[in-house]
N, C-alpha and C. Protein backbone atom coordinates (compact mmCIF):
# COMPACT_ATOMS: atom_id res chain seq x y z
N UNK A 1 -77.45 13.04 -23.18
CA UNK A 1 -76.21 13.51 -22.58
C UNK A 1 -75.19 12.38 -22.57
N UNK A 2 -74.00 12.68 -23.06
CA UNK A 2 -72.93 11.69 -23.09
C UNK A 2 -71.98 11.94 -21.92
N UNK A 3 -71.88 10.95 -21.04
CA UNK A 3 -71.05 11.07 -19.84
C UNK A 3 -69.85 10.16 -19.95
N UNK A 4 -68.69 10.67 -19.65
CA UNK A 4 -67.47 9.88 -19.65
C UNK A 4 -66.95 9.68 -18.24
N UNK A 5 -66.22 8.60 -18.03
CA UNK A 5 -65.54 8.35 -16.76
C UNK A 5 -64.05 8.31 -17.06
N UNK A 6 -63.29 9.17 -16.41
CA UNK A 6 -61.84 9.19 -16.61
C UNK A 6 -61.27 7.86 -16.13
N UNK A 7 -60.69 7.09 -17.04
CA UNK A 7 -60.35 5.69 -16.77
C UNK A 7 -58.84 5.47 -16.78
N UNK A 8 -58.13 6.29 -16.02
CA UNK A 8 -56.68 6.17 -15.95
C UNK A 8 -56.23 5.38 -14.73
N UNK A 9 -56.98 5.51 -13.63
CA UNK A 9 -56.66 4.82 -12.38
C UNK A 9 -57.83 5.03 -11.43
N UNK A 10 -58.02 4.10 -10.50
CA UNK A 10 -59.08 4.28 -9.51
C UNK A 10 -60.29 3.41 -9.78
N UNK A 11 -61.38 3.73 -9.07
CA UNK A 11 -62.57 2.88 -9.09
C UNK A 11 -63.51 3.24 -10.25
N UNK A 12 -63.00 3.03 -11.44
CA UNK A 12 -63.70 3.37 -12.68
C UNK A 12 -64.95 2.50 -12.85
N UNK A 13 -64.79 1.19 -12.70
CA UNK A 13 -65.89 0.25 -12.93
C UNK A 13 -67.10 0.57 -12.05
N UNK A 14 -66.85 0.95 -10.80
CA UNK A 14 -67.95 1.23 -9.87
C UNK A 14 -68.74 2.46 -10.29
N UNK A 15 -68.04 3.49 -10.78
CA UNK A 15 -68.75 4.67 -11.27
C UNK A 15 -69.57 4.34 -12.52
N UNK A 16 -69.02 3.52 -13.38
CA UNK A 16 -69.76 3.12 -14.58
C UNK A 16 -71.04 2.39 -14.20
N UNK A 17 -70.94 1.48 -13.24
CA UNK A 17 -72.13 0.74 -12.78
C UNK A 17 -73.17 1.68 -12.20
N UNK A 18 -72.74 2.66 -11.40
CA UNK A 18 -73.68 3.60 -10.79
C UNK A 18 -74.37 4.45 -11.85
N UNK A 19 -73.63 4.89 -12.85
CA UNK A 19 -74.22 5.69 -13.92
C UNK A 19 -75.21 4.87 -14.75
N UNK A 20 -74.87 3.62 -15.02
CA UNK A 20 -75.78 2.75 -15.76
C UNK A 20 -77.08 2.57 -14.97
N UNK A 21 -76.96 2.43 -13.65
CA UNK A 21 -78.15 2.28 -12.80
C UNK A 21 -79.03 3.54 -12.85
N UNK A 22 -78.43 4.67 -13.21
CA UNK A 22 -79.17 5.93 -13.34
C UNK A 22 -79.70 6.15 -14.75
N UNK A 23 -79.52 5.16 -15.62
CA UNK A 23 -80.03 5.26 -16.98
C UNK A 23 -79.09 5.93 -17.96
N UNK A 24 -77.84 6.11 -17.55
CA UNK A 24 -76.83 6.72 -18.42
C UNK A 24 -75.93 5.61 -18.95
N UNK A 25 -75.51 5.74 -20.19
CA UNK A 25 -74.59 4.75 -20.78
C UNK A 25 -73.24 5.42 -20.98
N UNK A 26 -72.38 5.36 -19.95
CA UNK A 26 -71.12 6.10 -19.99
C UNK A 26 -70.07 5.45 -20.88
N UNK A 27 -69.07 6.22 -21.19
CA UNK A 27 -67.93 5.73 -21.94
C UNK A 27 -66.66 5.99 -21.13
N UNK A 28 -65.66 5.16 -21.28
CA UNK A 28 -64.39 5.37 -20.59
C UNK A 28 -63.55 6.37 -21.39
N UNK A 29 -62.82 7.21 -20.67
CA UNK A 29 -62.01 8.26 -21.29
C UNK A 29 -60.54 8.02 -20.96
N UNK A 30 -59.77 7.73 -22.01
CA UNK A 30 -58.32 7.55 -21.87
C UNK A 30 -57.54 8.39 -22.89
N UNK A 31 -58.24 8.94 -23.86
CA UNK A 31 -57.59 9.69 -24.93
C UNK A 31 -58.36 10.97 -25.23
N UNK A 32 -57.65 11.93 -25.82
CA UNK A 32 -58.30 13.21 -26.11
C UNK A 32 -59.44 13.08 -27.11
N UNK A 33 -59.31 12.16 -28.06
CA UNK A 33 -60.38 11.96 -29.05
C UNK A 33 -61.67 11.52 -28.36
N UNK A 34 -61.55 10.73 -27.31
CA UNK A 34 -62.73 10.29 -26.56
C UNK A 34 -63.31 11.45 -25.76
N UNK A 35 -62.46 12.29 -25.22
CA UNK A 35 -62.91 13.46 -24.44
C UNK A 35 -63.73 14.40 -25.31
N UNK A 36 -63.39 14.49 -26.56
CA UNK A 36 -64.08 15.40 -27.48
C UNK A 36 -65.54 15.03 -27.70
N UNK A 37 -65.91 13.79 -27.40
CA UNK A 37 -67.26 13.31 -27.71
C UNK A 37 -68.18 13.20 -26.50
N UNK A 38 -67.77 13.79 -25.36
CA UNK A 38 -68.63 13.71 -24.17
C UNK A 38 -69.10 15.11 -23.77
N UNK A 39 -70.22 15.11 -23.02
CA UNK A 39 -70.78 16.36 -22.51
C UNK A 39 -70.41 16.60 -21.05
N UNK A 40 -70.18 15.51 -20.30
CA UNK A 40 -69.90 15.60 -18.87
C UNK A 40 -68.90 14.51 -18.50
N UNK A 41 -68.21 14.71 -17.37
CA UNK A 41 -67.14 13.80 -16.98
C UNK A 41 -67.22 13.46 -15.50
N UNK A 42 -66.88 12.21 -15.17
CA UNK A 42 -66.73 11.78 -13.78
C UNK A 42 -65.26 11.44 -13.55
N UNK A 43 -64.70 12.00 -12.48
CA UNK A 43 -63.32 11.70 -12.09
C UNK A 43 -63.38 10.82 -10.85
N UNK A 44 -62.94 9.57 -10.94
CA UNK A 44 -63.12 8.62 -9.84
C UNK A 44 -62.13 8.82 -8.70
N UNK A 45 -62.43 8.13 -7.61
CA UNK A 45 -61.47 8.05 -6.52
C UNK A 45 -60.30 7.20 -6.95
N UNK A 46 -59.21 7.36 -6.24
CA UNK A 46 -57.98 6.65 -6.56
C UNK A 46 -56.84 7.39 -5.90
N UNK A 47 -55.79 7.66 -6.63
CA UNK A 47 -54.65 8.43 -6.11
C UNK A 47 -54.50 9.68 -6.98
N UNK A 48 -54.75 10.83 -6.38
CA UNK A 48 -54.85 12.07 -7.15
C UNK A 48 -53.58 12.40 -7.93
N UNK A 49 -52.41 12.19 -7.32
CA UNK A 49 -51.17 12.51 -8.03
C UNK A 49 -50.95 11.56 -9.21
N UNK A 50 -51.29 10.29 -9.01
CA UNK A 50 -51.15 9.30 -10.09
C UNK A 50 -52.08 9.63 -11.25
N UNK A 51 -53.34 9.98 -10.94
CA UNK A 51 -54.30 10.33 -11.98
C UNK A 51 -53.80 11.55 -12.76
N UNK A 52 -53.30 12.55 -12.06
CA UNK A 52 -52.79 13.76 -12.73
C UNK A 52 -51.59 13.43 -13.61
N UNK A 53 -50.68 12.61 -13.09
CA UNK A 53 -49.49 12.24 -13.88
C UNK A 53 -49.87 11.46 -15.13
N UNK A 54 -50.80 10.52 -14.99
CA UNK A 54 -51.23 9.74 -16.14
C UNK A 54 -51.99 10.61 -17.15
N UNK A 55 -52.75 11.56 -16.64
CA UNK A 55 -53.45 12.49 -17.54
C UNK A 55 -52.44 13.29 -18.37
N UNK A 56 -51.33 13.67 -17.74
CA UNK A 56 -50.26 14.36 -18.47
C UNK A 56 -49.66 13.44 -19.54
N UNK A 57 -49.36 12.21 -19.15
CA UNK A 57 -48.73 11.25 -20.06
C UNK A 57 -49.63 10.99 -21.28
N UNK A 58 -50.94 10.86 -21.04
CA UNK A 58 -51.89 10.55 -22.11
C UNK A 58 -52.36 11.80 -22.86
N UNK A 59 -51.80 12.96 -22.51
CA UNK A 59 -52.18 14.20 -23.19
C UNK A 59 -53.55 14.71 -22.84
N UNK A 60 -54.09 14.29 -21.70
CA UNK A 60 -55.45 14.66 -21.31
C UNK A 60 -55.49 15.82 -20.32
N UNK A 61 -54.39 16.10 -19.65
CA UNK A 61 -54.45 17.06 -18.54
C UNK A 61 -54.92 18.44 -19.01
N UNK A 62 -54.23 19.02 -19.98
CA UNK A 62 -54.59 20.35 -20.46
C UNK A 62 -55.99 20.38 -21.08
N UNK A 63 -56.36 19.39 -21.92
CA UNK A 63 -57.72 19.41 -22.49
C UNK A 63 -58.82 19.32 -21.43
N UNK A 64 -58.62 18.50 -20.40
CA UNK A 64 -59.63 18.42 -19.34
C UNK A 64 -59.72 19.75 -18.60
N UNK A 65 -58.58 20.31 -18.27
CA UNK A 65 -58.54 21.61 -17.58
C UNK A 65 -59.28 22.67 -18.40
N UNK A 66 -59.05 22.67 -19.71
CA UNK A 66 -59.70 23.64 -20.60
C UNK A 66 -61.20 23.41 -20.67
N UNK A 67 -61.61 22.15 -20.76
CA UNK A 67 -63.05 21.84 -20.82
C UNK A 67 -63.76 22.25 -19.54
N UNK A 68 -63.10 22.03 -18.39
CA UNK A 68 -63.69 22.45 -17.10
C UNK A 68 -63.84 23.97 -17.07
N UNK A 69 -62.79 24.68 -17.48
CA UNK A 69 -62.84 26.15 -17.50
C UNK A 69 -63.93 26.65 -18.45
N UNK A 70 -64.22 25.87 -19.49
CA UNK A 70 -65.24 26.26 -20.47
C UNK A 70 -66.66 25.88 -20.03
N UNK A 71 -66.77 25.18 -18.88
CA UNK A 71 -68.10 24.88 -18.34
C UNK A 71 -68.55 23.45 -18.42
N UNK A 72 -67.68 22.51 -18.81
CA UNK A 72 -68.10 21.11 -18.84
C UNK A 72 -68.47 20.64 -17.44
N UNK A 73 -69.65 20.02 -17.27
CA UNK A 73 -70.02 19.48 -15.96
C UNK A 73 -69.10 18.31 -15.58
N UNK A 74 -68.62 18.34 -14.33
CA UNK A 74 -67.72 17.30 -13.85
C UNK A 74 -68.09 16.94 -12.41
N UNK A 75 -68.07 15.65 -12.12
CA UNK A 75 -68.22 15.16 -10.74
C UNK A 75 -66.95 14.43 -10.35
N UNK A 76 -66.39 14.77 -9.20
CA UNK A 76 -65.20 14.09 -8.70
C UNK A 76 -65.43 13.54 -7.31
N UNK A 77 -65.10 12.26 -7.11
CA UNK A 77 -65.21 11.66 -5.77
C UNK A 77 -63.81 11.41 -5.21
N UNK A 78 -63.60 11.81 -3.96
CA UNK A 78 -62.36 11.60 -3.22
C UNK A 78 -61.16 12.20 -3.97
N UNK A 79 -60.36 11.41 -4.66
CA UNK A 79 -59.26 11.96 -5.45
C UNK A 79 -59.79 12.94 -6.48
N UNK A 80 -60.99 12.67 -6.99
CA UNK A 80 -61.62 13.59 -7.94
C UNK A 80 -61.89 14.95 -7.33
N UNK A 81 -62.26 14.98 -6.04
CA UNK A 81 -62.44 16.26 -5.35
C UNK A 81 -61.12 17.02 -5.30
N UNK A 82 -60.04 16.32 -4.97
CA UNK A 82 -58.73 16.95 -4.91
C UNK A 82 -58.35 17.53 -6.27
N UNK A 83 -58.63 16.78 -7.33
CA UNK A 83 -58.27 17.22 -8.68
C UNK A 83 -59.11 18.38 -9.18
N UNK A 84 -60.30 18.58 -8.61
CA UNK A 84 -61.14 19.71 -9.00
C UNK A 84 -60.85 20.96 -8.18
N UNK A 85 -60.16 20.81 -7.05
CA UNK A 85 -59.90 21.93 -6.16
C UNK A 85 -58.90 22.90 -6.76
N UNK A 86 -59.11 24.18 -6.50
CA UNK A 86 -58.14 25.19 -6.92
C UNK A 86 -56.90 25.19 -6.05
N UNK A 87 -57.05 24.69 -4.80
CA UNK A 87 -55.93 24.75 -3.86
C UNK A 87 -55.94 23.51 -2.96
N UNK A 88 -54.73 23.00 -2.65
CA UNK A 88 -54.57 21.84 -1.79
C UNK A 88 -53.61 22.19 -0.66
N UNK A 89 -54.01 21.90 0.58
CA UNK A 89 -53.07 22.04 1.68
C UNK A 89 -52.32 20.71 1.83
N UNK A 90 -51.08 20.78 2.24
CA UNK A 90 -50.23 19.60 2.41
C UNK A 90 -50.13 18.81 1.10
N UNK A 91 -50.07 19.54 0.00
CA UNK A 91 -49.95 18.90 -1.31
C UNK A 91 -48.55 18.31 -1.48
N UNK A 92 -48.46 17.28 -2.30
CA UNK A 92 -47.15 16.76 -2.67
C UNK A 92 -46.44 17.77 -3.55
N UNK A 93 -45.12 17.68 -3.60
CA UNK A 93 -44.35 18.60 -4.44
C UNK A 93 -44.82 18.49 -5.90
N UNK A 94 -45.03 19.64 -6.52
CA UNK A 94 -45.44 19.72 -7.93
C UNK A 94 -46.79 19.06 -8.21
N UNK A 95 -47.63 18.90 -7.18
CA UNK A 95 -48.94 18.31 -7.41
C UNK A 95 -49.82 19.27 -8.20
N UNK A 96 -50.43 18.76 -9.25
CA UNK A 96 -51.27 19.57 -10.12
C UNK A 96 -52.74 19.18 -9.96
N UNK A 97 -53.61 20.14 -10.24
CA UNK A 97 -55.04 19.84 -10.27
C UNK A 97 -55.63 20.42 -11.55
N UNK A 98 -56.77 19.87 -11.94
CA UNK A 98 -57.51 20.45 -13.06
C UNK A 98 -58.10 21.80 -12.65
N UNK A 99 -58.45 21.90 -11.36
CA UNK A 99 -59.00 23.13 -10.83
C UNK A 99 -60.41 23.40 -11.33
N UNK A 100 -60.89 24.60 -11.02
CA UNK A 100 -62.23 25.00 -11.43
C UNK A 100 -63.16 25.21 -10.26
N UNK A 101 -62.93 24.47 -9.18
CA UNK A 101 -63.78 24.57 -7.99
C UNK A 101 -63.05 25.40 -6.94
N UNK A 102 -63.65 26.52 -6.56
CA UNK A 102 -62.98 27.47 -5.65
C UNK A 102 -63.05 26.97 -4.21
N UNK A 103 -62.26 25.92 -3.96
CA UNK A 103 -62.16 25.35 -2.62
C UNK A 103 -60.70 25.05 -2.31
N UNK A 104 -60.41 24.94 -1.02
CA UNK A 104 -59.14 24.43 -0.56
C UNK A 104 -59.40 23.10 0.13
N UNK A 105 -58.72 22.05 -0.30
CA UNK A 105 -58.91 20.73 0.31
C UNK A 105 -57.64 20.29 1.02
N UNK A 106 -57.84 19.46 2.02
CA UNK A 106 -56.73 18.84 2.73
C UNK A 106 -56.70 17.36 2.38
N UNK A 107 -55.60 16.90 1.82
CA UNK A 107 -55.45 15.49 1.44
C UNK A 107 -55.41 14.61 2.69
N UNK A 108 -55.99 13.41 2.58
CA UNK A 108 -55.96 12.42 3.67
C UNK A 108 -56.37 13.03 5.01
N UNK A 109 -57.31 13.95 4.98
CA UNK A 109 -57.67 14.71 6.18
C UNK A 109 -58.24 13.82 7.28
N UNK A 110 -58.97 12.79 6.89
CA UNK A 110 -59.58 11.90 7.89
C UNK A 110 -58.62 10.81 8.36
N UNK A 111 -57.41 10.80 7.82
CA UNK A 111 -56.43 9.81 8.26
C UNK A 111 -56.01 8.87 7.15
N UNK A 112 -55.25 7.86 7.54
CA UNK A 112 -54.70 6.90 6.59
C UNK A 112 -55.71 5.80 6.28
N UNK A 113 -55.28 4.82 5.50
CA UNK A 113 -56.17 3.72 5.08
C UNK A 113 -56.84 3.05 6.29
N UNK A 114 -56.08 2.87 7.36
CA UNK A 114 -56.58 2.19 8.55
C UNK A 114 -57.69 3.00 9.23
N UNK A 115 -57.76 4.30 8.94
CA UNK A 115 -58.77 5.17 9.54
C UNK A 115 -60.03 5.29 8.67
N UNK A 116 -60.12 4.52 7.61
CA UNK A 116 -61.30 4.57 6.75
C UNK A 116 -62.55 4.21 7.54
N UNK A 117 -63.68 4.81 7.16
CA UNK A 117 -64.92 4.57 7.91
C UNK A 117 -66.13 4.83 7.03
N UNK A 118 -67.29 4.40 7.51
CA UNK A 118 -68.57 4.67 6.86
C UNK A 118 -69.45 5.42 7.83
N UNK A 119 -70.31 6.28 7.28
CA UNK A 119 -71.21 7.06 8.12
C UNK A 119 -72.47 7.40 7.34
N UNK A 120 -73.60 7.49 8.05
CA UNK A 120 -74.84 7.96 7.44
C UNK A 120 -74.92 9.47 7.63
N UNK A 121 -74.97 10.21 6.54
CA UNK A 121 -74.93 11.67 6.61
C UNK A 121 -76.08 12.29 5.83
N UNK A 122 -76.38 13.53 6.17
CA UNK A 122 -77.38 14.29 5.43
C UNK A 122 -76.76 14.86 4.17
N UNK A 123 -77.53 14.84 3.09
CA UNK A 123 -77.07 15.41 1.82
C UNK A 123 -78.15 16.36 1.33
N UNK A 124 -77.77 17.59 1.05
CA UNK A 124 -78.72 18.65 0.74
C UNK A 124 -79.21 18.57 -0.70
N UNK A 125 -80.06 17.56 -0.94
CA UNK A 125 -80.66 17.40 -2.27
C UNK A 125 -82.18 17.47 -2.20
N UNK A 126 -82.69 17.95 -1.06
CA UNK A 126 -84.14 18.05 -0.89
C UNK A 126 -84.75 16.85 -0.21
N UNK A 127 -83.95 15.80 0.01
CA UNK A 127 -84.45 14.59 0.67
C UNK A 127 -84.08 14.62 2.15
N UNK A 128 -84.93 14.04 2.99
CA UNK A 128 -84.62 13.94 4.42
C UNK A 128 -83.91 12.62 4.73
N UNK A 129 -83.82 11.74 3.74
CA UNK A 129 -83.15 10.45 3.94
C UNK A 129 -81.63 10.65 4.03
N UNK A 130 -81.02 9.93 4.96
CA UNK A 130 -79.57 9.97 5.08
C UNK A 130 -78.94 9.16 3.95
N UNK A 131 -77.70 9.48 3.65
CA UNK A 131 -76.97 8.77 2.61
C UNK A 131 -75.77 8.08 3.24
N UNK A 132 -75.48 6.85 2.82
CA UNK A 132 -74.34 6.11 3.34
C UNK A 132 -73.08 6.62 2.64
N UNK A 133 -72.13 7.10 3.42
CA UNK A 133 -70.91 7.66 2.87
C UNK A 133 -69.71 6.82 3.29
N UNK A 134 -68.90 6.43 2.32
CA UNK A 134 -67.70 5.62 2.55
C UNK A 134 -66.48 6.53 2.39
N UNK A 135 -65.71 6.68 3.47
CA UNK A 135 -64.53 7.54 3.48
C UNK A 135 -63.27 6.69 3.51
N UNK A 136 -62.43 6.81 2.49
CA UNK A 136 -61.19 6.05 2.39
C UNK A 136 -60.04 7.02 2.14
N UNK A 137 -59.20 7.22 3.13
CA UNK A 137 -58.11 8.21 3.04
C UNK A 137 -58.65 9.51 2.45
N UNK A 138 -59.77 9.95 2.98
CA UNK A 138 -60.54 11.01 2.33
C UNK A 138 -60.05 12.41 2.67
N UNK A 139 -60.20 13.32 1.72
CA UNK A 139 -59.95 14.73 1.99
C UNK A 139 -61.15 15.36 2.66
N UNK A 140 -60.98 16.57 3.14
CA UNK A 140 -62.13 17.40 3.48
C UNK A 140 -61.86 18.81 2.97
N UNK A 141 -62.90 19.62 2.93
CA UNK A 141 -62.78 20.98 2.41
C UNK A 141 -62.50 21.93 3.56
N UNK A 142 -61.40 22.66 3.47
CA UNK A 142 -61.01 23.59 4.53
C UNK A 142 -61.48 25.01 4.24
N UNK A 143 -61.68 25.35 2.97
CA UNK A 143 -62.15 26.68 2.60
C UNK A 143 -63.10 26.56 1.43
N UNK A 144 -64.20 27.28 1.52
CA UNK A 144 -65.19 27.31 0.44
C UNK A 144 -65.24 28.72 -0.10
N UNK A 145 -65.03 28.87 -1.40
CA UNK A 145 -65.03 30.19 -2.02
C UNK A 145 -66.42 30.63 -2.45
N UNK A 146 -66.46 31.81 -3.01
CA UNK A 146 -67.71 32.39 -3.48
C UNK A 146 -68.29 31.53 -4.60
N UNK A 147 -69.59 31.31 -4.53
CA UNK A 147 -70.25 30.52 -5.57
C UNK A 147 -70.20 29.03 -5.36
N UNK A 148 -69.63 28.59 -4.24
CA UNK A 148 -69.57 27.16 -3.92
C UNK A 148 -70.51 26.88 -2.75
N UNK A 149 -71.35 25.88 -2.92
CA UNK A 149 -72.35 25.52 -1.92
C UNK A 149 -71.97 24.22 -1.25
N UNK A 150 -72.06 24.18 0.08
CA UNK A 150 -71.78 22.96 0.85
C UNK A 150 -73.05 22.11 0.88
N UNK A 151 -72.94 20.85 0.48
CA UNK A 151 -74.08 19.94 0.43
C UNK A 151 -74.09 18.92 1.57
N UNK A 152 -72.92 18.67 2.17
CA UNK A 152 -72.85 17.69 3.27
C UNK A 152 -71.64 18.00 4.14
N UNK A 153 -71.79 17.66 5.43
CA UNK A 153 -70.72 17.86 6.40
C UNK A 153 -70.58 16.64 7.29
N UNK A 154 -69.37 16.45 7.80
CA UNK A 154 -69.08 15.47 8.85
C UNK A 154 -68.23 16.19 9.88
N UNK A 155 -68.74 16.25 11.12
CA UNK A 155 -68.01 16.93 12.20
C UNK A 155 -67.58 18.34 11.80
N UNK A 156 -68.49 19.08 11.22
CA UNK A 156 -68.24 20.47 10.80
C UNK A 156 -67.29 20.62 9.62
N UNK A 157 -66.87 19.51 9.03
CA UNK A 157 -66.02 19.57 7.85
C UNK A 157 -66.89 19.34 6.60
N UNK A 158 -66.74 20.20 5.60
CA UNK A 158 -67.49 20.03 4.36
C UNK A 158 -66.94 18.83 3.60
N UNK A 159 -67.84 17.92 3.20
CA UNK A 159 -67.43 16.70 2.49
C UNK A 159 -68.14 16.54 1.15
N UNK A 160 -69.04 17.46 0.83
CA UNK A 160 -69.68 17.49 -0.49
C UNK A 160 -69.97 18.94 -0.83
N UNK A 161 -69.53 19.36 -2.02
CA UNK A 161 -69.70 20.75 -2.44
C UNK A 161 -70.04 20.79 -3.93
N UNK A 162 -70.62 21.91 -4.32
CA UNK A 162 -70.90 22.09 -5.74
C UNK A 162 -70.82 23.56 -6.11
N UNK A 163 -70.52 23.80 -7.38
CA UNK A 163 -70.64 25.12 -7.98
C UNK A 163 -71.66 24.96 -9.11
N UNK A 164 -71.67 25.87 -10.03
CA UNK A 164 -72.66 25.79 -11.11
C UNK A 164 -72.57 24.48 -11.88
N UNK A 165 -71.35 24.08 -12.28
CA UNK A 165 -71.21 22.91 -13.14
C UNK A 165 -70.28 21.83 -12.57
N UNK A 166 -69.85 22.01 -11.33
CA UNK A 166 -68.94 21.04 -10.72
C UNK A 166 -69.50 20.52 -9.40
N UNK A 167 -69.32 19.22 -9.19
CA UNK A 167 -69.76 18.55 -7.96
C UNK A 167 -68.60 17.73 -7.45
N UNK A 168 -68.39 17.75 -6.13
CA UNK A 168 -67.30 16.96 -5.56
C UNK A 168 -67.70 16.42 -4.20
N UNK A 169 -67.33 15.16 -3.96
CA UNK A 169 -67.54 14.55 -2.65
C UNK A 169 -66.22 13.95 -2.18
N UNK A 170 -65.98 14.02 -0.87
CA UNK A 170 -64.77 13.40 -0.34
C UNK A 170 -64.99 11.92 -0.08
N UNK A 171 -66.23 11.48 -0.16
CA UNK A 171 -66.57 10.07 0.03
C UNK A 171 -66.86 9.39 -1.30
N UNK A 172 -67.13 8.09 -1.23
CA UNK A 172 -67.26 7.24 -2.43
C UNK A 172 -68.69 6.68 -2.56
N UNK A 173 -69.63 7.43 -3.14
CA UNK A 173 -70.98 6.89 -3.30
C UNK A 173 -71.04 5.73 -4.27
N UNK A 174 -70.04 5.62 -5.14
CA UNK A 174 -70.02 4.53 -6.13
C UNK A 174 -69.79 3.17 -5.47
N UNK A 175 -69.39 3.16 -4.19
CA UNK A 175 -69.14 1.90 -3.49
C UNK A 175 -70.36 1.41 -2.72
N UNK A 176 -71.49 2.12 -2.86
CA UNK A 176 -72.74 1.70 -2.21
C UNK A 176 -73.80 1.46 -3.28
N UNK A 177 -74.94 0.97 -2.85
CA UNK A 177 -76.05 0.72 -3.77
C UNK A 177 -76.95 1.95 -3.90
N UNK A 178 -76.62 3.03 -3.20
CA UNK A 178 -77.40 4.26 -3.24
C UNK A 178 -76.81 5.17 -4.32
N UNK A 179 -77.61 5.45 -5.34
CA UNK A 179 -77.10 6.22 -6.49
C UNK A 179 -77.58 7.67 -6.50
N UNK A 180 -77.96 8.17 -5.33
CA UNK A 180 -78.48 9.55 -5.26
C UNK A 180 -77.47 10.60 -5.72
N UNK A 181 -76.21 10.39 -5.38
CA UNK A 181 -75.20 11.39 -5.75
C UNK A 181 -75.04 11.44 -7.28
N UNK A 182 -75.00 10.28 -7.91
CA UNK A 182 -74.87 10.25 -9.37
C UNK A 182 -76.12 10.84 -10.04
N UNK A 183 -77.29 10.54 -9.48
CA UNK A 183 -78.53 11.13 -10.04
C UNK A 183 -78.52 12.65 -9.85
N UNK A 184 -78.05 13.08 -8.70
CA UNK A 184 -77.97 14.51 -8.42
C UNK A 184 -77.04 15.19 -9.44
N UNK A 185 -75.90 14.56 -9.70
CA UNK A 185 -74.97 15.12 -10.68
C UNK A 185 -75.63 15.24 -12.05
N UNK A 186 -76.30 14.19 -12.47
CA UNK A 186 -76.92 14.19 -13.80
C UNK A 186 -78.05 15.21 -13.88
N UNK A 187 -78.97 15.15 -12.90
CA UNK A 187 -80.20 15.95 -12.98
C UNK A 187 -80.05 17.38 -12.50
N UNK A 188 -79.26 17.61 -11.46
CA UNK A 188 -79.19 18.93 -10.84
C UNK A 188 -77.95 19.73 -11.21
N UNK A 189 -76.92 19.06 -11.68
CA UNK A 189 -75.68 19.76 -12.03
C UNK A 189 -75.47 19.75 -13.55
N UNK A 190 -75.37 18.56 -14.13
CA UNK A 190 -75.00 18.46 -15.55
C UNK A 190 -76.08 18.98 -16.49
N UNK A 191 -77.31 18.51 -16.34
CA UNK A 191 -78.37 18.92 -17.27
C UNK A 191 -78.59 20.43 -17.27
N UNK A 192 -78.74 21.08 -16.10
CA UNK A 192 -78.92 22.54 -16.11
C UNK A 192 -77.72 23.28 -16.69
N UNK A 193 -76.49 22.81 -16.39
CA UNK A 193 -75.30 23.46 -16.92
C UNK A 193 -75.25 23.37 -18.44
N UNK A 194 -75.59 22.20 -18.97
CA UNK A 194 -75.57 22.00 -20.42
C UNK A 194 -76.65 22.82 -21.11
N UNK A 195 -77.80 22.99 -20.46
CA UNK A 195 -78.88 23.78 -21.04
C UNK A 195 -78.47 25.24 -21.16
N UNK A 196 -77.69 25.72 -20.19
CA UNK A 196 -77.23 27.11 -20.24
C UNK A 196 -76.26 27.34 -21.39
N UNK A 197 -75.47 26.31 -21.71
CA UNK A 197 -74.48 26.41 -22.77
C UNK A 197 -75.15 26.41 -24.14
N UNK A 198 -76.24 25.65 -24.28
CA UNK A 198 -76.90 25.49 -25.58
C UNK A 198 -77.64 26.76 -26.00
């Protein structure tokens, strides 16, 4: 399986390191020709509007949107969650998303940079071990649509969700040494989705 990391802005290097630790050799994606050669994509945390604008500038926005609609497995953390959401509350004017995940997210729901925090939370991957979650100007999910499963919550707010081929977290697992989320994406989301396509 060939996994790409969208490398326009955000914590690209950290996602690459986490994927390598999971035995995957990812490639950075900045051009459409590179997108054509991957099976799955990771959208990093960063600034969602900036990532969307740069994707437009580099000619990647429409191709990524089309690949997601066609079933390409994608994992988005923080800004990546916003970019996968079908709907955003308190969105900036003309803010675009790749969409595909039937959720409504609220940007900066946990507060500003100064309100960033870490917490040990349960993650519904079959393990009883808590996972360390880093929240930085993080969104939360306000509405979950049909076919979307909640995998983690903080104070009754959904902070990790998945559909058949899409996974999103409002926190940053790439900033910790725990690679469970990336392994979950590879083993439980991407591989089964790709097998259905083949």
